[in-house]
Each structure stands twice: as structure tokens, then as C-alpha cells.
């Protein structure tokens, strides 16, 4: 686990839900139900600004599975990989 901070390619459904991701030259298909991360508002003093973070499990063509946290940046029309978990 760790902060990645890299741009990735993400394909989404019509409602914006992630379906596929390409990272580090590997293609992952979403293999669970993507979830919008909710913040613990009581733990912070100022609400964060910015787009939501999606968390989902992805499985590559070899069967390796990871969990990804991604965020779409509207200003640049890019997706950022925030974290990847083995």
C-alpha cells in the first residue's frame, strides 16, 4: 500500500462508475462493486474540495487482484491513481 499519485486510464459506465483501469501497462477489469469513499466529517475541521474518490477491486488478465483508489480531475480530464493495495 502507498500513495501512488500517477495518472491512469479509466473507462467508466454511463453513470461514471469505473469499469476498467490501465496502470503500469496492465489492464484491470473491475471485479467488484465500486464504492465512493465517504469521509469522516467529525475528524476534520474543513470539508475537502474536489471530486470524489472511487475504490474498487480490479483483476488483470493473469488473475492478479488489487484494490485501487482513483479520482477524476475535471480540470485536466485525467484520472489519478491515489493508492493501490495488494
C-alpha atoms as a PDB file:
ATOM      1  CA  UNK A   1       0.000   0.000   0.000  1.00  0.00           C
ATOM      2  CA  UNK A   2       1.130   3.500  -0.609  1.00  0.00           C
ATOM      3  CA  UNK A   3       0.483   6.788  -2.287  1.00  0.00           C
ATOM      4  CA  UNK A   4       0.926   6.423  -6.000  1.00  0.00           C
ATOM      5  CA  UNK A   5      -0.080   9.791  -7.490  1.00  0.00           C
ATOM      6  CA  UNK A   6       0.121   8.595 -11.088  1.00  0.00           C
ATOM      7  CA  UNK A   7      -2.204   9.220 -13.993  1.00  0.00           C
ATOM      8  CA  UNK A   8      -4.097   6.166 -15.186  1.00  0.00           C
ATOM      9  CA  UNK A   9      -6.620   5.387 -17.883  1.00  0.00           C
ATOM     10  CA  UNK A  10     -10.096   4.580 -16.583  1.00  0.00           C
ATOM     11  CA  UNK A  11     -13.165   3.518 -18.548  1.00  0.00           C
ATOM     12  CA  UNK A  12     -16.492   4.227 -16.917  1.00  0.00           C
ATOM     13  CA  UNK A  13     -20.133   3.258 -17.286  1.00  0.00           C
ATOM     14  CA  UNK A  14     -22.692   5.865 -18.326  1.00  0.00           C
ATOM     15  CA  UNK A  15     -23.184   6.876 -14.687  1.00  0.00           C
ATOM     16  CA  UNK A  16     -19.438   7.462 -14.145  1.00  0.00           C
ATOM     17  CA  UNK A  17     -18.786   4.211 -12.276  1.00  0.00           C
ATOM     18  CA  UNK A  18     -15.318   2.758 -13.092  1.00  0.00           C
ATOM     19  CA  UNK A  19     -15.306  -0.425 -15.209  1.00  0.00           C
ATOM     20  CA  UNK A  20     -11.677  -0.843 -16.335  1.00  0.00           C
ATOM     21  CA  UNK A  21      -8.290   0.641 -15.489  1.00  0.00           C
ATOM     22  CA  UNK A  22      -4.869   0.575 -17.141  1.00  0.00           C
ATOM     23  CA  UNK A  23      -1.913   1.145 -14.847  1.00  0.00           C
ATOM     24  CA  UNK A  24       1.736   0.252 -15.300  1.00  0.00           C
ATOM     25  CA  UNK A  25       0.941  -1.290 -18.719  1.00  0.00           C
ATOM     26  CA  UNK A  26      -1.539  -3.731 -17.150  1.00  0.00           C
ATOM     27  CA  UNK A  27      -5.270  -3.768 -17.788  1.00  0.00           C
ATOM     28  CA  UNK A  28      -7.562  -4.433 -14.843  1.00  0.00           C
ATOM     29  CA  UNK A  29     -11.274  -5.139 -15.050  1.00  0.00           C
ATOM     30  CA  UNK A  30     -13.363  -4.048 -12.098  1.00  0.00           C
ATOM     31  CA  UNK A  31     -14.255  -7.283 -10.315  1.00  0.00           C
ATOM     32  CA  UNK A  32     -16.490  -5.959  -7.534  1.00  0.00           C
ATOM     33  CA  UNK A  33     -18.889  -3.085  -6.974  1.00  0.00           C
ATOM     34  CA  UNK A  34     -17.035   0.270  -6.996  1.00  0.00           C
ATOM     35  CA  UNK A  35     -17.691   2.399  -3.919  1.00  0.00           C
ATOM     36  CA  UNK A  36     -17.500   6.119  -3.373  1.00  0.00           C
ATOM     37  CA  UNK A  37     -15.357   6.716  -0.312  1.00  0.00           C
ATOM     38  CA  UNK A  38     -17.082   8.635   2.422  1.00  0.00           C
ATOM     39  CA  UNK A  39     -15.160  10.933   4.693  1.00  0.00           C
ATOM     40  CA  UNK A  40     -15.352  11.002   8.454  1.00  0.00           C
ATOM     41  CA  UNK A  41     -16.620  14.586   8.732  1.00  0.00           C
ATOM     42  CA  UNK A  42     -16.190  14.583  12.523  1.00  0.00           C
ATOM     43  CA  UNK A  43     -12.454  14.002  12.135  1.00  0.00           C
ATOM     44  CA  UNK A  44     -11.742  17.074  10.027  1.00  0.00           C
ATOM     45  CA  UNK A  45     -12.323  20.762  10.555  1.00  0.00           C
ATOM     46  CA  UNK A  46     -12.750  21.794   6.912  1.00  0.00           C
ATOM     47  CA  UNK A  47     -14.545  19.724   4.284  1.00  0.00           C
ATOM     48  CA  UNK A  48     -12.220  18.844   1.399  1.00  0.00           C
ATOM     49  CA  UNK A  49     -12.842  20.255  -2.017  1.00  0.00           C
ATOM     50  CA  UNK A  50     -12.524  18.224  -5.133  1.00  0.00           C
ATOM     51  CA  UNK A  51     -14.082  15.285  -6.874  1.00  0.00           C
ATOM     52  CA  UNK A  52     -14.987  12.056  -5.094  1.00  0.00           C
ATOM     53  CA  UNK A  53     -12.666   9.088  -4.728  1.00  0.00           C
ATOM     54  CA  UNK A  54     -13.700   5.698  -6.078  1.00  0.00           C
ATOM     55  CA  UNK A  55     -12.453   2.447  -4.510  1.00  0.00           C
ATOM     56  CA  UNK A  56     -12.741  -0.846  -6.360  1.00  0.00           C
ATOM     57  CA  UNK A  57     -11.109  -4.205  -6.821  1.00  0.00           C
ATOM     58  CA  UNK A  58      -9.528  -4.885 -10.206  1.00  0.00           C
ATOM     59  CA  UNK A  59      -8.313  -8.164 -11.674  1.00  0.00           C
ATOM     60  CA  UNK A  60      -5.774  -8.351 -14.507  1.00  0.00           C
ATOM     61  CA  UNK A  61      -5.575 -10.926 -17.315  1.00  0.00           C
ATOM     62  CA  UNK A  62      -3.270 -13.166 -15.246  1.00  0.00           C
ATOM     63  CA  UNK A  63      -5.730 -13.241 -12.328  1.00  0.00           C
ATOM     64  CA  UNK A  64      -3.813 -10.869 -10.025  1.00  0.00           C
ATOM     65  CA  UNK A  65      -6.148  -8.736  -7.938  1.00  0.00           C
ATOM     66  CA  UNK A  66      -5.580  -5.316  -6.370  1.00  0.00           C
ATOM     67  CA  UNK A  67      -7.731  -2.648  -4.766  1.00  0.00           C
ATOM     68  CA  UNK A  68      -7.497   0.838  -6.269  1.00  0.00           C
ATOM     69  CA  UNK A  69      -8.427   4.331  -5.083  1.00  0.00           C
ATOM     70  CA  UNK A  70      -8.875   6.687  -8.056  1.00  0.00           C
ATOM     71  CA  UNK A  71     -10.091  10.242  -8.566  1.00  0.00           C
ATOM     72  CA  UNK A  72     -11.114  12.046 -11.759  1.00  0.00           C
ATOM     73  CA  UNK A  73      -9.656  15.532 -12.121  1.00  0.00           C
ATOM     74  CA  UNK A  74     -12.160  17.549 -14.153  1.00  0.00           C
ATOM     75  CA  UNK A  75      -9.826  20.483 -14.876  1.00  0.00           C
ATOM     76  CA  UNK A  76      -7.370  18.277 -16.787  1.00  0.00           C
ATOM     77  CA  UNK A  77      -9.773  15.432 -17.658  1.00  0.00           C
ATOM     78  CA  UNK A  78      -7.358  12.930 -16.087  1.00  0.00           C
ATOM     79  CA  UNK A  79      -7.750  10.077 -13.645  1.00  0.00           C
ATOM     80  CA  UNK A  80      -5.307   9.859 -10.747  1.00  0.00           C
ATOM     81  CA  UNK A  81      -4.380   6.646  -9.002  1.00  0.00           C
ATOM     82  CA  UNK A  82      -4.159   7.657  -5.360  1.00  0.00           C
ATOM     83  CA  UNK A  83      -3.442   4.250  -3.835  1.00  0.00           C
ATOM     84  CA  UNK A  84      -3.119   0.613  -4.836  1.00  0.00           C
ATOM     85  CA  UNK A  85      -3.384  -2.247  -2.363  1.00  0.00           C
ATOM     86  CA  UNK A  86      -2.089  -5.781  -2.968  1.00  0.00           C
END
